[in-house]
Amino acid sequence: MIIYSVTVSVDANVKEEWLSYMRQKHIPDVIATGCFSGFRFTKVIGASEEKDNSYNVQYFCNSMREMHKYQVQFAPKLQKEHTDKYGEKATAFRTLLEDL
């Protein structure tokens, strides 16, 4: 299984709005692409103020072929929507992981 992990550092001033956006719009839009079998949405636990407002979404993908399809056909539009809405107030760091 391939895990597409997205960690986002969110400005405290938009945190509640961003959480609603992620739950109601962005995550459902990503899942609707059909490239992922599920997801997990978590809060990053840490000692710094930055980590107090950091979140992680892990999307579960059955193959690199499906992951590539997502990255080529869907990711640019979905990432642009997120950036257009939040800009520097919600910055993302993306990682691909492979379940062993």
C-alpha atoms as a PDB file:
ATOM      1  CA  MET A   1       0.000   0.000   0.000  1.00  0.00           C
ATOM      2  CA  ILE A   2       1.141   3.523  -0.801  1.00  0.00           C
ATOM      3  CA  ILE A   3       0.440   6.249   1.767  1.00  0.00           C
ATOM      4  CA  TYR A   4       0.245   9.830   0.575  1.00  0.00           C
ATOM      5  CA  SER A   5       0.996  11.854   3.700  1.00  0.00           C
ATOM      6  CA  VAL A   6       0.247  15.577   3.758  1.00  0.00           C
ATOM      7  CA  THR A   7       1.281  17.608   6.818  1.00  0.00           C
ATOM      8  CA  VAL A   8      -0.083  21.137   7.000  1.00  0.00           C
ATOM      9  CA  SER A   9       0.995  23.943   9.327  1.00  0.00           C
ATOM     10  CA  VAL A  10      -2.019  26.202   9.838  1.00  0.00           C
ATOM     11  CA  ASP A  11      -2.140  29.801  11.070  1.00  0.00           C
ATOM     12  CA  ALA A  12      -4.109  29.939  14.338  1.00  0.00           C
ATOM     13  CA  ASN A  13      -6.366  32.671  12.918  1.00  0.00           C
ATOM     14  CA  VAL A  14      -7.808  30.340  10.272  1.00  0.00           C
ATOM     15  CA  LYS A  15      -7.526  27.002  12.072  1.00  0.00           C
ATOM     16  CA  GLU A  16     -11.249  26.362  12.705  1.00  0.00           C
ATOM     17  CA  GLU A  17     -12.275  27.460   9.211  1.00  0.00           C
ATOM     18  CA  TRP A  18      -9.491  25.334   7.689  1.00  0.00           C
ATOM     19  CA  LEU A  19     -10.517  22.256   9.692  1.00  0.00           C
ATOM     20  CA  SER A  20     -14.095  22.626   8.421  1.00  0.00           C
ATOM     21  CA  TYR A  21     -12.856  23.125   4.852  1.00  0.00           C
ATOM     22  CA  MET A  22     -10.722  20.001   5.058  1.00  0.00           C
ATOM     23  CA  ARG A  23     -13.509  17.848   6.507  1.00  0.00           C
ATOM     24  CA  GLN A  24     -16.325  19.145   4.314  1.00  0.00           C
ATOM     25  CA  LYS A  25     -14.605  19.971   1.005  1.00  0.00           C
ATOM     26  CA  HIS A  26     -10.946  19.104   0.422  1.00  0.00           C
ATOM     27  CA  ILE A  27     -10.703  15.564   1.823  1.00  0.00           C
ATOM     28  CA  PRO A  28     -14.018  14.494   0.203  1.00  0.00           C
ATOM     29  CA  ASP A  29     -12.782  15.955  -3.113  1.00  0.00           C
ATOM     30  CA  VAL A  30      -9.530  13.963  -2.870  1.00  0.00           C
ATOM     31  CA  ILE A  31     -11.391  10.741  -2.049  1.00  0.00           C
ATOM     32  CA  ALA A  32     -13.877  11.405  -4.892  1.00  0.00           C
ATOM     33  CA  THR A  33     -11.011  11.093  -7.405  1.00  0.00           C
ATOM     34  CA  GLY A  34     -11.257   7.330  -6.914  1.00  0.00           C
ATOM     35  CA  CYS A  35      -7.491   7.032  -6.473  1.00  0.00           C
ATOM     36  CA  PHE A  36      -7.599   6.308  -2.730  1.00  0.00           C
ATOM     37  CA  SER A  37      -9.258   3.597  -0.656  1.00  0.00           C
ATOM     38  CA  GLY A  38      -9.452   5.675   2.525  1.00  0.00           C
ATOM     39  CA  PHE A  39      -7.787   8.258   4.717  1.00  0.00           C
ATOM     40  CA  ARG A  40      -6.831   9.225   8.272  1.00  0.00           C
ATOM     41  CA  PHE A  41      -6.939  12.861   9.491  1.00  0.00           C
ATOM     42  CA  THR A  42      -4.849  13.598  12.598  1.00  0.00           C
ATOM     43  CA  LYS A  43      -3.413  16.429  14.665  1.00  0.00           C
ATOM     44  CA  VAL A  44       0.369  16.582  15.055  1.00  0.00           C
ATOM     45  CA  ILE A  45       1.360  16.506  18.719  1.00  0.00           C
ATOM     46  CA  GLY A  46       4.388  18.555  19.684  1.00  0.00           C
ATOM     47  CA  ALA A  47       5.928  20.999  22.107  1.00  0.00           C
ATOM     48  CA  SER A  48       6.151  24.040  19.840  1.00  0.00           C
ATOM     49  CA  GLU A  49       3.407  26.506  18.970  1.00  0.00           C
ATOM     50  CA  GLU A  50       3.843  25.614  15.293  1.00  0.00           C
ATOM     51  CA  LYS A  51       3.078  21.964  16.033  1.00  0.00           C
ATOM     52  CA  ASP A  52      -0.018  23.007  18.006  1.00  0.00           C
ATOM     53  CA  ASN A  53      -1.494  24.039  14.678  1.00  0.00           C
ATOM     54  CA  SER A  54      -0.177  21.242  12.464  1.00  0.00           C
ATOM     55  CA  TYR A  55      -2.298  18.457  11.013  1.00  0.00           C
ATOM     56  CA  ASN A  56      -1.655  15.375   8.915  1.00  0.00           C
ATOM     57  CA  VAL A  57      -3.822  13.592   6.380  1.00  0.00           C
ATOM     58  CA  GLN A  58      -2.812  10.143   5.203  1.00  0.00           C
ATOM     59  CA  TYR A  59      -4.525   8.944   2.038  1.00  0.00           C
ATOM     60  CA  PHE A  60      -4.305   5.209   1.313  1.00  0.00           C
ATOM     61  CA  CYS A  61      -3.581   4.141  -2.259  1.00  0.00           C
ATOM     62  CA  ASN A  62      -3.414   0.591  -3.601  1.00  0.00           C
ATOM     63  CA  SER A  63      -0.662   1.161  -6.179  1.00  0.00           C
ATOM     64  CA  MET A  64       1.907   3.583  -7.518  1.00  0.00           C
ATOM     65  CA  ARG A  65      -0.073   3.583 -10.766  1.00  0.00           C
ATOM     66  CA  GLU A  66      -3.099   5.036  -8.932  1.00  0.00           C
ATOM     67  CA  MET A  67      -0.857   7.469  -7.064  1.00  0.00           C
ATOM     68  CA  HIS A  68       0.665   8.663 -10.320  1.00  0.00           C
ATOM     69  CA  LYS A  69      -2.813   9.073 -11.802  1.00  0.00           C
ATOM     70  CA  TYR A  70      -3.772  11.270  -8.837  1.00  0.00           C
ATOM     71  CA  GLN A  71      -0.590  13.344  -9.078  1.00  0.00           C
ATOM     72  CA  VAL A  72      -1.016  13.970 -12.816  1.00  0.00           C
ATOM     73  CA  GLN A  73      -4.792  14.272 -13.229  1.00  0.00           C
ATOM     74  CA  PHE A  74      -6.069  15.675  -9.929  1.00  0.00           C
ATOM     75  CA  ALA A  75      -3.398  17.018  -7.547  1.00  0.00           C
ATOM     76  CA  PRO A  76      -2.549  20.262  -9.394  1.00  0.00           C
ATOM     77  CA  LYS A  77      -6.160  21.490  -9.337  1.00  0.00           C
ATOM     78  CA  LEU A  78      -6.861  20.426  -5.742  1.00  0.00           C
ATOM     79  CA  GLN A  79      -3.589  21.877  -4.447  1.00  0.00           C
ATOM     80  CA  LYS A  80      -4.246  25.138  -6.299  1.00  0.00           C
ATOM     81  CA  GLU A  81      -7.712  25.416  -4.726  1.00  0.00           C
ATOM     82  CA  HIS A  82      -6.147  24.973  -1.280  1.00  0.00           C
ATOM     83  CA  THR A  83      -3.358  27.480  -1.973  1.00  0.00           C
ATOM     84  CA  ASP A  84      -5.746  30.029  -3.489  1.00  0.00           C
ATOM     85  CA  LYS A  85      -7.959  29.815  -0.399  1.00  0.00           C
ATOM     86  CA  TYR A  86      -5.279  29.796   2.338  1.00  0.00           C
ATOM     87  CA  GLY A  87      -1.936  30.778   0.799  1.00  0.00           C
ATOM     88  CA  GLU A  88       0.806  31.038   3.419  1.00  0.00           C
ATOM     89  CA  LYS A  89      -1.738  30.557   6.230  1.00  0.00           C
ATOM     90  CA  ALA A  90      -1.761  26.803   5.575  1.00  0.00           C
ATOM     91  CA  THR A  91       1.491  25.450   4.179  1.00  0.00           C
ATOM     92  CA  ALA A  92       1.741  21.793   3.190  1.00  0.00           C
ATOM     93  CA  PHE A  93       4.578  19.282   3.191  1.00  0.00           C
ATOM     94  CA  ARG A  94       3.918  16.102   1.204  1.00  0.00           C
ATOM     95  CA  THR A  95       5.533  12.664   1.533  1.00  0.00           C
ATOM     96  CA  LEU A  96       4.961   9.310  -0.157  1.00  0.00           C
ATOM     97  CA  LEU A  97       5.314   6.272   2.080  1.00  0.00           C
ATOM     98  CA  GLU A  98       5.175   2.563   1.358  1.00  0.00           C
ATOM     99  CA  ASP A  99       3.570   0.163   3.827  1.00  0.00           C
ATOM    100  CA  LEU A 100       5.927  -2.751   4.515  1.00  0.00           C
END
